[in-house]
PDB file of N, CA and C in Angstrom:
ATOM      1  N   UNK A   1     -13.616 -24.963 -30.538  1.00  0.00           N
ATOM      2  CA  UNK A   1     -14.316 -23.680 -30.463  1.00  0.00           C
ATOM      3  C   UNK A   1     -14.867 -23.873 -29.134  1.00  0.00           C
ATOM      4  N   UNK A   2     -15.402 -24.367 -28.703  1.00  0.00           N
ATOM      5  CA  UNK A   2     -15.577 -24.391 -26.945  1.00  0.00           C
ATOM      6  C   UNK A   2     -14.734 -23.903 -25.885  1.00  0.00           C
ATOM      7  N   UNK A   3     -13.384 -24.428 -26.520  1.00  0.00           N
ATOM      8  CA  UNK A   3     -12.421 -23.734 -25.203  1.00  0.00           C
ATOM      9  C   UNK A   3     -12.164 -22.419 -25.371  1.00  0.00           C
ATOM     10  N   UNK A   4     -12.695 -21.718 -26.623  1.00  0.00           N
ATOM     11  CA  UNK A   4     -12.373 -20.176 -26.555  1.00  0.00           C
ATOM     12  C   UNK A   4     -13.516 -19.217 -25.174  1.00  0.00           C
ATOM     13  N   UNK A   5     -12.999 -18.355 -24.640  1.00  0.00           N
ATOM     14  CA  UNK A   5     -13.462 -17.491 -23.699  1.00  0.00           C
ATOM     15  C   UNK A   5     -14.693 -16.650 -23.926  1.00  0.00           C
ATOM     16  N   UNK A   6     -15.630 -16.794 -23.138  1.00  0.00           N
ATOM     17  CA  UNK A   6     -16.659 -15.592 -23.431  1.00  0.00           C
ATOM     18  C   UNK A   6     -16.704 -14.673 -24.463  1.00  0.00           C
ATOM     19  N   UNK A   7     -18.032 -14.655 -24.920  1.00  0.00           N
ATOM     20  CA  UNK A   7     -17.374 -13.474 -26.407  1.00  0.00           C
ATOM     21  C   UNK A   7     -17.333 -12.253 -25.800  1.00  0.00           C
ATOM     22  N   UNK A   8     -17.012 -11.237 -24.876  1.00  0.00           N
ATOM     23  CA  UNK A   8     -16.385 -10.353 -24.813  1.00  0.00           C
ATOM     24  C   UNK A   8     -15.958  -9.247 -25.145  1.00  0.00           C
ATOM     25  N   UNK A   9     -15.406  -9.973 -25.672  1.00  0.00           N
ATOM     26  CA  UNK A   9     -14.223  -9.122 -27.218  1.00  0.00           C
ATOM     27  C   UNK A   9     -13.873 -10.076 -28.230  1.00  0.00           C
ATOM     28  N   UNK A  10     -13.601  -9.268 -29.173  1.00  0.00           N
ATOM     29  CA  UNK A  10     -13.617 -10.253 -30.589  1.00  0.00           C
ATOM     30  C   UNK A  10     -12.441 -11.380 -30.267  1.00  0.00           C
ATOM     31  N   UNK A  11     -12.197 -12.083 -31.025  1.00  0.00           N
ATOM     32  CA  UNK A  11     -10.722 -13.459 -31.379  1.00  0.00           C
ATOM     33  C   UNK A  11     -10.561 -12.716 -32.238  1.00  0.00           C
ATOM     34  N   UNK A  12      -9.210 -13.030 -32.775  1.00  0.00           N
ATOM     35  CA  UNK A  12      -7.864 -12.687 -33.817  1.00  0.00           C
ATOM     36  C   UNK A  12      -7.976 -14.463 -34.416  1.00  0.00           C
ATOM     37  N   UNK A  13      -8.121 -14.129 -35.383  1.00  0.00           N
ATOM     38  CA  UNK A  13      -8.156 -15.058 -36.443  1.00  0.00           C
ATOM     39  C   UNK A  13      -6.530 -14.754 -37.396  1.00  0.00           C
ATOM     40  N   UNK A  14      -5.255 -15.218 -36.223  1.00  0.00           N
ATOM     41  CA  UNK A  14      -4.273 -14.677 -36.868  1.00  0.00           C
ATOM     42  C   UNK A  14      -3.580 -16.028 -38.060  1.00  0.00           C
ATOM     43  N   UNK A  15      -3.488 -15.117 -39.448  1.00  0.00           N
ATOM     44  CA  UNK A  15      -2.920 -15.796 -40.519  1.00  0.00           C
ATOM     45  C   UNK A  15      -4.390 -16.365 -41.507  1.00  0.00           C
ATOM     46  N   UNK A  16      -5.175 -15.515 -41.422  1.00  0.00           N
ATOM     47  CA  UNK A  16      -6.431 -15.883 -41.391  1.00  0.00           C
ATOM     48  C   UNK A  16      -6.814 -16.455 -43.051  1.00  0.00           C
ATOM     49  N   UNK A  17      -5.647 -16.041 -43.977  1.00  0.00           N
ATOM     50  CA  UNK A  17      -5.657 -16.705 -45.331  1.00  0.00           C
ATOM     51  C   UNK A  17      -7.109 -16.002 -45.937  1.00  0.00           C
ATOM     52  N   UNK A  18      -7.992 -16.487 -46.527  1.00  0.00           N
ATOM     53  CA  UNK A  18      -9.131 -16.085 -47.452  1.00  0.00           C
ATOM     54  C   UNK A  18     -10.857 -15.718 -46.383  1.00  0.00           C
ATOM     55  N   UNK A  19     -10.174 -16.119 -44.910  1.00  0.00           N
ATOM     56  CA  UNK A  19     -11.360 -16.176 -44.103  1.00  0.00           C
ATOM     57  C   UNK A  19     -12.272 -17.192 -44.023  1.00  0.00           C
ATOM     58  N   UNK A  20     -12.106 -18.700 -44.021  1.00  0.00           N
ATOM     59  CA  UNK A  20     -12.957 -19.139 -43.234  1.00  0.00           C
ATOM     60  C   UNK A  20     -12.822 -19.947 -42.318  1.00  0.00           C
ATOM     61  N   UNK A  21     -12.377 -19.857 -41.463  1.00  0.00           N
ATOM     62  CA  UNK A  21     -12.167 -20.339 -40.143  1.00  0.00           C
ATOM     63  C   UNK A  21     -12.902 -18.928 -39.582  1.00  0.00           C
ATOM     64  N   UNK A  22     -12.510 -17.309 -39.996  1.00  0.00           N
ATOM     65  CA  UNK A  22     -12.954 -16.488 -39.537  1.00  0.00           C
ATOM     66  C   UNK A  22     -14.742 -16.357 -40.086  1.00  0.00           C
ATOM     67  N   UNK A  23     -15.464 -16.665 -41.075  1.00  0.00           N
ATOM     68  CA  UNK A  23     -16.600 -17.008 -41.454  1.00  0.00           C
ATOM     69  C   UNK A  23     -17.345 -18.103 -40.220  1.00  0.00           C
ATOM     70  N   UNK A  24     -16.454 -19.165 -39.959  1.00  0.00           N
ATOM     71  CA  UNK A  24     -17.128 -19.827 -38.842  1.00  0.00           C
ATOM     72  C   UNK A  24     -17.314 -19.462 -37.468  1.00  0.00           C
ATOM     73  N   UNK A  25     -16.258 -18.376 -36.996  1.00  0.00           N
ATOM     74  CA  UNK A  25     -16.266 -17.674 -36.149  1.00  0.00           C
ATOM     75  C   UNK A  25     -17.808 -16.758 -35.924  1.00  0.00           C
ATOM     76  N   UNK A  26     -17.499 -15.933 -36.956  1.00  0.00           N
ATOM     77  CA  UNK A  26     -18.847 -14.953 -37.152  1.00  0.00           C
ATOM     78  C   UNK A  26     -20.184 -15.824 -36.969  1.00  0.00           C
ATOM     79  N   UNK A  27     -19.916 -16.580 -37.614  1.00  0.00           N
ATOM     80  CA  UNK A  27     -21.371 -17.488 -38.330  1.00  0.00           C
ATOM     81  C   UNK A  27     -22.150 -17.915 -36.752  1.00  0.00           C
ATOM     82  N   UNK A  28     -21.431 -18.346 -36.138  1.00  0.00           N
ATOM     83  CA  UNK A  28     -21.693 -18.567 -34.506  1.00  0.00           C
ATOM     84  C   UNK A  28     -21.978 -17.215 -33.810  1.00  0.00           C
ATOM     85  N   UNK A  29     -21.995 -16.473 -34.396  1.00  0.00           N
ATOM     86  CA  UNK A  29     -21.950 -15.035 -33.424  1.00  0.00           C
ATOM     87  C   UNK A  29     -20.829 -14.514 -32.412  1.00  0.00           C
ATOM     88  N   UNK A  30     -19.438 -14.625 -33.138  1.00  0.00           N
ATOM     89  CA  UNK A  30     -17.975 -14.388 -32.380  1.00  0.00           C
ATOM     90  C   UNK A  30     -18.028 -13.117 -33.411  1.00  0.00           C
ATOM     91  N   UNK A  31     -17.817 -12.152 -32.492  1.00  0.00           N
ATOM     92  CA  UNK A  31     -16.845 -10.730 -33.147  1.00  0.00           C
ATOM     93  C   UNK A  31     -15.352 -11.385 -33.117  1.00  0.00           C
ATOM     94  N   UNK A  32     -15.083 -11.110 -34.504  1.00  0.00           N
ATOM     95  CA  UNK A  32     -13.549 -11.473 -35.405  1.00  0.00           C
ATOM     96  C   UNK A  32     -12.867 -10.949 -35.598  1.00  0.00           C
ATOM     97  N   UNK A  33     -11.618 -10.732 -36.084  1.00  0.00           N
ATOM     98  CA  UNK A  33     -10.613 -10.136 -36.568  1.00  0.00           C
ATOM     99  C   UNK A  33     -10.030 -10.823 -37.052  1.00  0.00           C
ATOM    100  N   UNK A  34      -9.785 -10.878 -38.225  1.00  0.00           N
ATOM    101  CA  UNK A  34      -8.593 -11.562 -39.442  1.00  0.00           C
ATOM    102  C   UNK A  34      -7.748 -10.692 -39.317  1.00  0.00           C
ATOM    103  N   UNK A  35      -6.361 -11.596 -39.453  1.00  0.00           N
ATOM    104  CA  UNK A  35      -4.848 -10.866 -39.461  1.00  0.00           C
ATOM    105  C   UNK A  35      -4.579 -11.501 -40.529  1.00  0.00           C
ATOM    106  N   UNK A  36      -4.181 -11.330 -41.585  1.00  0.00           N
ATOM    107  CA  UNK A  36      -3.346 -11.720 -43.066  1.00  0.00           C
ATOM    108  C   UNK A  36      -2.479 -10.677 -43.502  1.00  0.00           C
ATOM    109  N   UNK A  37      -1.062 -10.857 -43.796  1.00  0.00           N
ATOM    110  CA  UNK A  37      -0.284 -10.408 -44.411  1.00  0.00           C
ATOM    111  C   UNK A  37      -0.378  -9.868 -45.793  1.00  0.00           C
ATOM    112  N   UNK A  38      -1.587 -11.073 -46.650  1.00  0.00           N
ATOM    113  CA  UNK A  38      -1.670 -10.847 -47.996  1.00  0.00           C
ATOM    114  C   UNK A  38      -3.073 -10.072 -48.066  1.00  0.00           C
ATOM    115  N   UNK A  39      -2.299  -9.196 -48.713  1.00  0.00           N
ATOM    116  CA  UNK A  39      -3.511  -8.054 -49.017  1.00  0.00           C
ATOM    117  C   UNK A  39      -5.192  -8.637 -49.606  1.00  0.00           C
ATOM    118  N   UNK A  40      -4.637  -9.523 -50.924  1.00  0.00           N
ATOM    119  CA  UNK A  40      -5.867 -10.049 -52.092  1.00  0.00           C
ATOM    120  C   UNK A  40      -6.058 -11.061 -50.824  1.00  0.00           C
ATOM    121  N   UNK A  41      -6.077 -11.855 -50.063  1.00  0.00           N
ATOM    122  CA  UNK A  41      -6.655 -13.247 -49.279  1.00  0.00           C
ATOM    123  C   UNK A  41      -7.151 -12.093 -48.531  1.00  0.00           C
ATOM    124  N   UNK A  42      -7.211 -10.988 -47.636  1.00  0.00           N
ATOM    125  CA  UNK A  42      -7.659 -10.199 -46.797  1.00  0.00           C
ATOM    126  C   UNK A  42      -9.137  -9.688 -47.211  1.00  0.00           C
ATOM    127  N   UNK A  43      -8.885  -8.981 -48.502  1.00  0.00           N
ATOM    128  CA  UNK A  43      -9.579  -8.318 -49.474  1.00  0.00           C
ATOM    129  C   UNK A  43     -10.793  -9.377 -49.447  1.00  0.00           C
ATOM    130  N   UNK A  44     -10.952 -10.858 -50.403  1.00  0.00           N
ATOM    131  CA  UNK A  44     -11.995 -11.838 -50.862  1.00  0.00           C
ATOM    132  C   UNK A  44     -12.297 -12.058 -49.456  1.00  0.00           C
ATOM    133  N   UNK A  45     -11.217 -12.419 -48.035  1.00  0.00           N
ATOM    134  CA  UNK A  45     -12.468 -12.695 -47.061  1.00  0.00           C
ATOM    135  C   UNK A  45     -13.647 -11.732 -46.866  1.00  0.00           C
ATOM    136  N   UNK A  46     -12.722 -10.113 -46.361  1.00  0.00           N
ATOM    137  CA  UNK A  46     -13.733  -9.676 -46.006  1.00  0.00           C
ATOM    138  C   UNK A  46     -15.046  -9.610 -47.112  1.00  0.00           C
ATOM    139  N   UNK A  47     -14.532  -9.207 -47.970  1.00  0.00           N
ATOM    140  CA  UNK A  47     -16.028  -9.234 -49.421  1.00  0.00           C
ATOM    141  C   UNK A  47     -16.513 -10.442 -49.112  1.00  0.00           C
ATOM    142  N   UNK A  48     -16.096 -11.517 -49.844  1.00  0.00           N
ATOM    143  CA  UNK A  48     -17.311 -12.732 -50.229  1.00  0.00           C
ATOM    144  C   UNK A  48     -16.644 -13.992 -48.849  1.00  0.00           C
ATOM    145  N   UNK A  49     -15.993 -14.243 -48.328  1.00  0.00           N
ATOM    146  CA  UNK A  49     -15.813 -15.339 -47.763  1.00  0.00           C
ATOM    147  C   UNK A  49     -16.461 -15.061 -45.906  1.00  0.00           C
ATOM    148  N   UNK A  50     -15.866 -14.239 -45.337  1.00  0.00           N
ATOM    149  CA  UNK A  50     -16.383 -13.824 -44.011  1.00  0.00           C
ATOM    150  C   UNK A  50     -17.008 -11.979 -44.057  1.00  0.00           C
ATOM    151  N   UNK A  51     -17.977 -11.603 -44.449  1.00  0.00           N
ATOM    152  CA  UNK A  51     -18.326 -10.454 -44.378  1.00  0.00           C
ATOM    153  C   UNK A  51     -18.506 -10.005 -42.847  1.00  0.00           C
ATOM    154  N   UNK A  52     -19.025 -10.840 -42.511  1.00  0.00           N
ATOM    155  CA  UNK A  52     -19.149 -10.083 -41.145  1.00  0.00           C
ATOM    156  C   UNK A  52     -18.387 -10.080 -39.954  1.00  0.00           C
ATOM    157  N   UNK A  53     -17.133 -10.293 -40.652  1.00  0.00           N
ATOM    158  CA  UNK A  53     -15.385 -10.345 -40.055  1.00  0.00           C
ATOM    159  C   UNK A  53     -14.784  -8.431 -40.131  1.00  0.00           C
ATOM    160  N   UNK A  54     -13.986  -8.546 -39.143  1.00  0.00           N
ATOM    161  CA  UNK A  54     -13.187  -7.442 -39.817  1.00  0.00           C
ATOM    162  C   UNK A  54     -11.528  -8.031 -40.227  1.00  0.00           C
ATOM    163  N   UNK A  55     -10.788  -7.669 -40.856  1.00  0.00           N
ATOM    164  CA  UNK A  55     -10.196  -7.893 -41.035  1.00  0.00           C
ATOM    165  C   UNK A  55      -8.484  -7.066 -41.452  1.00  0.00           C
ATOM    166  N   UNK A  56      -7.339  -6.920 -40.929  1.00  0.00           N
ATOM    167  CA  UNK A  56      -6.423  -6.175 -40.988  1.00  0.00           C
ATOM    168  C   UNK A  56      -5.291  -6.998 -42.054  1.00  0.00           C
ATOM    169  N   UNK A  57      -4.793  -6.241 -42.309  1.00  0.00           N
ATOM    170  CA  UNK A  57      -3.653  -6.611 -43.263  1.00  0.00           C
ATOM    171  C   UNK A  57      -2.310  -5.830 -42.640  1.00  0.00           C
ATOM    172  N   UNK A  58      -1.570  -6.988 -41.905  1.00  0.00           N
ATOM    173  CA  UNK A  58      -0.356  -7.011 -41.494  1.00  0.00           C
ATOM    174  C   UNK A  58       0.870  -7.786 -41.713  1.00  0.00           C
ATOM    175  N   UNK A  59       1.831  -7.933 -41.005  1.00  0.00           N
ATOM    176  CA  UNK A  59       2.874  -9.160 -41.123  1.00  0.00           C
ATOM    177  C   UNK A  59       3.011  -9.472 -39.640  1.00  0.00           C
ATOM    178  N   UNK A  60       2.948 -10.749 -39.519  1.00  0.00           N
ATOM    179  CA  UNK A  60       3.039 -10.987 -38.163  1.00  0.00           C
ATOM    180  C   UNK A  60       4.682 -11.358 -37.421  1.00  0.00           C
ATOM    181  N   UNK A  61       5.336 -10.446 -37.823  1.00  0.00           N
ATOM    182  CA  UNK A  61       6.694 -10.692 -37.878  1.00  0.00           C
ATOM    183  C   UNK A  61       6.985  -9.650 -36.896  1.00  0.00           C
ATOM    184  N   UNK A  62       5.728  -8.597 -36.978  1.00  0.00           N
ATOM    185  CA  UNK A  62       6.408  -7.666 -36.757  1.00  0.00           C
ATOM    186  C   UNK A  62       4.979  -7.279 -35.437  1.00  0.00           C
ATOM    187  N   UNK A  63       5.046  -6.242 -34.636  1.00  0.00           N
ATOM    188  CA  UNK A  63       3.906  -6.147 -33.327  1.00  0.00           C
ATOM    189  C   UNK A  63       2.846  -5.700 -34.169  1.00  0.00           C
ATOM    190  N   UNK A  64       1.784  -6.831 -33.384  1.00  0.00           N
ATOM    191  CA  UNK A  64       0.536  -6.751 -34.260  1.00  0.00           C
ATOM    192  C   UNK A  64      -0.186  -4.796 -33.610  1.00  0.00           C
ATOM    193  N   UNK A  65      -0.853  -4.963 -34.611  1.00  0.00           N
ATOM    194  CA  UNK A  65      -1.334  -3.703 -34.552  1.00  0.00           C
ATOM    195  C   UNK A  65      -2.988  -3.194 -33.715  1.00  0.00           C
ATOM    196  N   UNK A  66      -2.519  -3.840 -32.127  1.00  0.00           N
ATOM    197  CA  UNK A  66      -4.016  -3.961 -31.596  1.00  0.00           C
ATOM    198  C   UNK A  66      -3.496  -3.191 -29.721  1.00  0.00           C
ATOM    199  N   UNK A  67      -4.022  -2.764 -28.963  1.00  0.00           N
ATOM    200  CA  UNK A  67      -3.828  -1.889 -27.796  1.00  0.00           C
ATOM    201  C   UNK A  67      -3.617  -3.330 -27.265  1.00  0.00           C
ATOM    202  N   UNK A  68      -3.510  -3.099 -26.018  1.00  0.00           N
ATOM    203  CA  UNK A  68      -3.212  -4.379 -25.125  1.00  0.00           C
ATOM    204  C   UNK A  68      -4.724  -4.558 -24.419  1.00  0.00           C
ATOM    205  N   UNK A  69      -5.160  -6.154 -24.426  1.00  0.00           N
ATOM    206  CA  UNK A  69      -6.915  -6.431 -23.785  1.00  0.00           C
ATOM    207  C   UNK A  69      -7.617  -5.914 -24.971  1.00  0.00           C
ATOM    208  N   UNK A  70      -7.450  -5.606 -25.967  1.00  0.00           N
ATOM    209  CA  UNK A  70      -8.513  -5.737 -27.329  1.00  0.00           C
ATOM    210  C   UNK A  70      -9.207  -6.471 -27.445  1.00  0.00           C
ATOM    211  N   UNK A  71      -8.550  -7.773 -27.656  1.00  0.00           N
ATOM    212  CA  UNK A  71      -8.746  -9.080 -28.089  1.00  0.00           C
ATOM    213  C   UNK A  71      -8.968  -9.979 -27.187  1.00  0.00           C
ATOM    214  N   UNK A  72     -10.012 -10.866 -27.192  1.00  0.00           N
ATOM    215  CA  UNK A  72     -10.549 -11.920 -25.505  1.00  0.00           C
ATOM    216  C   UNK A  72      -9.552 -13.373 -26.151  1.00  0.00           C
ATOM    217  N   UNK A  73      -9.198 -13.532 -27.140  1.00  0.00           N
ATOM    218  CA  UNK A  73      -8.317 -14.625 -27.813  1.00  0.00           C
ATOM    219  C   UNK A  73      -7.737 -14.575 -29.155  1.00  0.00           C
ATOM    220  N   UNK A  74      -6.795 -15.457 -29.404  1.00  0.00           N
ATOM    221  CA  UNK A  74      -5.934 -15.489 -30.176  1.00  0.00           C
ATOM    222  C   UNK A  74      -6.187 -16.802 -30.676  1.00  0.00           C
ATOM    223  N   UNK A  75      -6.283 -17.439 -32.170  1.00  0.00           N
ATOM    224  CA  UNK A  75      -6.126 -18.767 -32.624  1.00  0.00           C
ATOM    225  C   UNK A  75      -5.440 -18.127 -34.213  1.00  0.00           C
ATOM    226  N   UNK A  76      -4.684 -19.451 -34.613  1.00  0.00           N
ATOM    227  CA  UNK A  76      -4.225 -19.413 -35.244  1.00  0.00           C
ATOM    228  C   UNK A  76      -4.307 -21.321 -35.847  1.00  0.00           C
ATOM    229  N   UNK A  77      -5.184 -21.496 -37.459  1.00  0.00           N
ATOM    230  CA  UNK A  77      -5.193 -22.672 -37.933  1.00  0.00           C
ATOM    231  C   UNK A  77      -4.392 -23.307 -38.669  1.00  0.00           C
ATOM    232  N   UNK A  78      -4.717 -24.213 -39.394  1.00  0.00           N
ATOM    233  CA  UNK A  78      -3.371 -24.880 -40.768  1.00  0.00           C
ATOM    234  C   UNK A  78      -2.058 -24.127 -40.473  1.00  0.00           C
TER     235      UNK A  78
END
């Protein structure tokens, strides 16, 4: 986490699953956007695991639904 740039823009948690890493980032004060193609997992993450983060349901095989420069960093764990 120390390798992330300053928290000026949200961090993208790509393939966020149930949002455990998004939770860790948000608990540390970061703005987080989780991107998950499974709508059920994104719903559980938003409502139970990481309510401090935003979640988007989208397919990572397609262009991402964010404007250029909207995010400060992207990461994918697991």
